[in-house]
């Protein structure tokens, strides 16, 4: 993997991640950093995200989320998945 290679990750966050501004923070951070994808709450209390950008951009977004007040990420699961070439923004899904 090259430094500026665009990748896509599916990430699931566990902990105190619902009702604490997680999705808003993810959308705002993604817009600021310049990544695309989506974020949504899951029925089990977790938050699911797909994010597309360079590894450095994705890590910057994750770092931003870890630093937000009220959010407490206890565990994440992540995997690299195929790119979505037609995607142009980051949004909240329901």
C-alpha atoms as a PDB file:
ATOM      1  CA  UNK A   1       0.000   0.000   0.000  1.00  0.00           C
ATOM      2  CA  UNK A   2       1.377   3.394  -1.008  1.00  0.00           C
ATOM      3  CA  UNK A   3       1.224   6.438   1.268  1.00  0.00           C
ATOM      4  CA  UNK A   4      -1.338   8.283  -0.893  1.00  0.00           C
ATOM      5  CA  UNK A   5      -3.321   5.238  -2.020  1.00  0.00           C
ATOM      6  CA  UNK A   6      -7.090   5.603  -1.538  1.00  0.00           C
ATOM      7  CA  UNK A   7      -8.610   2.773   0.483  1.00  0.00           C
ATOM      8  CA  UNK A   8     -12.024   2.073   2.003  1.00  0.00           C
ATOM      9  CA  UNK A   9     -12.593   0.663   5.468  1.00  0.00           C
ATOM     10  CA  UNK A  10     -15.638  -0.757   7.172  1.00  0.00           C
ATOM     11  CA  UNK A  11     -15.376   0.104  10.870  1.00  0.00           C
ATOM     12  CA  UNK A  12     -17.610  -0.832  13.785  1.00  0.00           C
ATOM     13  CA  UNK A  13     -17.306   1.128  17.033  1.00  0.00           C
ATOM     14  CA  UNK A  14     -18.317  -0.193  20.461  1.00  0.00           C
ATOM     15  CA  UNK A  15     -18.587   1.668  23.767  1.00  0.00           C
ATOM     16  CA  UNK A  16     -20.463   4.864  24.614  1.00  0.00           C
ATOM     17  CA  UNK A  17     -20.977   5.843  20.979  1.00  0.00           C
ATOM     18  CA  UNK A  18     -24.712   6.538  20.669  1.00  0.00           C
ATOM     19  CA  UNK A  19     -26.447   9.646  22.009  1.00  0.00           C
ATOM     20  CA  UNK A  20     -23.120  11.478  22.452  1.00  0.00           C
ATOM     21  CA  UNK A  21     -22.717  13.314  19.115  1.00  0.00           C
ATOM     22  CA  UNK A  22     -20.692  10.541  17.458  1.00  0.00           C
ATOM     23  CA  UNK A  23     -22.373  10.717  14.039  1.00  0.00           C
ATOM     24  CA  UNK A  24     -22.262  14.527  13.984  1.00  0.00           C
ATOM     25  CA  UNK A  25     -18.570  14.472  14.962  1.00  0.00           C
ATOM     26  CA  UNK A  26     -17.839  11.846  12.296  1.00  0.00           C
ATOM     27  CA  UNK A  27     -19.602  13.862   9.569  1.00  0.00           C
ATOM     28  CA  UNK A  28     -17.949  17.130  10.566  1.00  0.00           C
ATOM     29  CA  UNK A  29     -14.520  15.505  10.884  1.00  0.00           C
ATOM     30  CA  UNK A  30     -14.877  13.699   7.556  1.00  0.00           C
ATOM     31  CA  UNK A  31     -15.858  16.935   5.804  1.00  0.00           C
ATOM     32  CA  UNK A  32     -12.869  18.749   7.342  1.00  0.00           C
ATOM     33  CA  UNK A  33     -10.403  15.959   6.508  1.00  0.00           C
ATOM     34  CA  UNK A  34     -11.806  15.287   3.033  1.00  0.00           C
ATOM     35  CA  UNK A  35     -12.874  11.648   3.212  1.00  0.00           C
ATOM     36  CA  UNK A  36     -16.079  10.104   1.867  1.00  0.00           C
ATOM     37  CA  UNK A  37     -18.397   7.421   3.223  1.00  0.00           C
ATOM     38  CA  UNK A  38     -21.187   7.113   5.745  1.00  0.00           C
ATOM     39  CA  UNK A  39     -21.964   6.505   9.425  1.00  0.00           C
ATOM     40  CA  UNK A  40     -25.048   5.065  11.179  1.00  0.00           C
ATOM     41  CA  UNK A  41     -26.237   3.800  14.557  1.00  0.00           C
ATOM     42  CA  UNK A  42     -26.851   0.080  14.888  1.00  0.00           C
ATOM     43  CA  UNK A  43     -29.610  -1.620  16.901  1.00  0.00           C
ATOM     44  CA  UNK A  44     -27.078  -3.171  19.316  1.00  0.00           C
ATOM     45  CA  UNK A  45     -25.733   0.204  20.520  1.00  0.00           C
ATOM     46  CA  UNK A  46     -22.700   0.208  18.241  1.00  0.00           C
ATOM     47  CA  UNK A  47     -21.954   2.610  15.385  1.00  0.00           C
ATOM     48  CA  UNK A  48     -21.044   1.408  11.900  1.00  0.00           C
ATOM     49  CA  UNK A  49     -18.992   3.422   9.413  1.00  0.00           C
ATOM     50  CA  UNK A  50     -17.547   3.086   5.952  1.00  0.00           C
ATOM     51  CA  UNK A  51     -14.829   5.612   5.187  1.00  0.00           C
ATOM     52  CA  UNK A  52     -12.782   6.146   2.046  1.00  0.00           C
ATOM     53  CA  UNK A  53      -9.513   8.097   1.822  1.00  0.00           C
ATOM     54  CA  UNK A  54      -5.830   7.594   2.465  1.00  0.00           C
ATOM     55  CA  UNK A  55      -4.751   5.598   5.523  1.00  0.00           C
ATOM     56  CA  UNK A  56      -3.457   8.847   7.053  1.00  0.00           C
ATOM     57  CA  UNK A  57      -6.814  10.602   6.531  1.00  0.00           C
ATOM     58  CA  UNK A  58      -8.729   7.673   8.027  1.00  0.00           C
ATOM     59  CA  UNK A  59      -6.425   7.546  11.049  1.00  0.00           C
ATOM     60  CA  UNK A  60      -6.826  11.305  11.517  1.00  0.00           C
ATOM     61  CA  UNK A  61     -10.621  10.890  11.557  1.00  0.00           C
ATOM     62  CA  UNK A  62     -10.383   8.053  14.097  1.00  0.00           C
ATOM     63  CA  UNK A  63      -8.040  10.127  16.256  1.00  0.00           C
ATOM     64  CA  UNK A  64     -10.536  13.000  16.167  1.00  0.00           C
ATOM     65  CA  UNK A  65     -13.337  10.692  17.339  1.00  0.00           C
ATOM     66  CA  UNK A  66     -11.230   9.270  20.182  1.00  0.00           C
ATOM     67  CA  UNK A  67     -10.581  12.820  21.443  1.00  0.00           C
ATOM     68  CA  UNK A  68     -14.210  14.020  21.479  1.00  0.00           C
ATOM     69  CA  UNK A  69     -15.774  14.629  24.885  1.00  0.00           C
ATOM     70  CA  UNK A  70     -18.580  12.236  25.918  1.00  0.00           C
ATOM     71  CA  UNK A  71     -17.567   9.649  23.284  1.00  0.00           C
ATOM     72  CA  UNK A  72     -15.909   6.586  24.791  1.00  0.00           C
ATOM     73  CA  UNK A  73     -14.723   4.061  22.207  1.00  0.00           C
ATOM     74  CA  UNK A  74     -13.942   0.766  23.925  1.00  0.00           C
ATOM     75  CA  UNK A  75     -13.323  -1.380  20.842  1.00  0.00           C
ATOM     76  CA  UNK A  76     -13.250  -1.087  17.073  1.00  0.00           C
ATOM     77  CA  UNK A  77     -13.353  -3.705  14.351  1.00  0.00           C
ATOM     78  CA  UNK A  78     -12.083  -2.660  10.948  1.00  0.00           C
ATOM     79  CA  UNK A  79     -11.467  -4.237   7.580  1.00  0.00           C
ATOM     80  CA  UNK A  80     -10.439  -2.975   4.164  1.00  0.00           C
ATOM     81  CA  UNK A  81     -13.258  -3.298   1.625  1.00  0.00           C
ATOM     82  CA  UNK A  82     -13.625  -2.409  -2.100  1.00  0.00           C
ATOM     83  CA  UNK A  83     -13.714   1.266  -3.110  1.00  0.00           C
ATOM     84  CA  UNK A  84     -16.945   3.042  -4.050  1.00  0.00           C
ATOM     85  CA  UNK A  85     -15.819   5.203  -6.972  1.00  0.00           C
ATOM     86  CA  UNK A  86     -19.143   7.046  -7.384  1.00  0.00           C
ATOM     87  CA  UNK A  87     -19.098   8.439  -3.843  1.00  0.00           C
ATOM     88  CA  UNK A  88     -18.386  12.148  -3.379  1.00  0.00           C
ATOM     89  CA  UNK A  89     -19.275  12.994   0.228  1.00  0.00           C
ATOM     90  CA  UNK A  90     -19.637  11.661   3.750  1.00  0.00           C
ATOM     91  CA  UNK A  91     -23.164  11.336   5.130  1.00  0.00           C
ATOM     92  CA  UNK A  92     -25.235  10.034   7.970  1.00  0.00           C
ATOM     93  CA  UNK A  93     -27.335   6.978   7.203  1.00  0.00           C
ATOM     94  CA  UNK A  94     -30.503   5.886   9.007  1.00  0.00           C
END
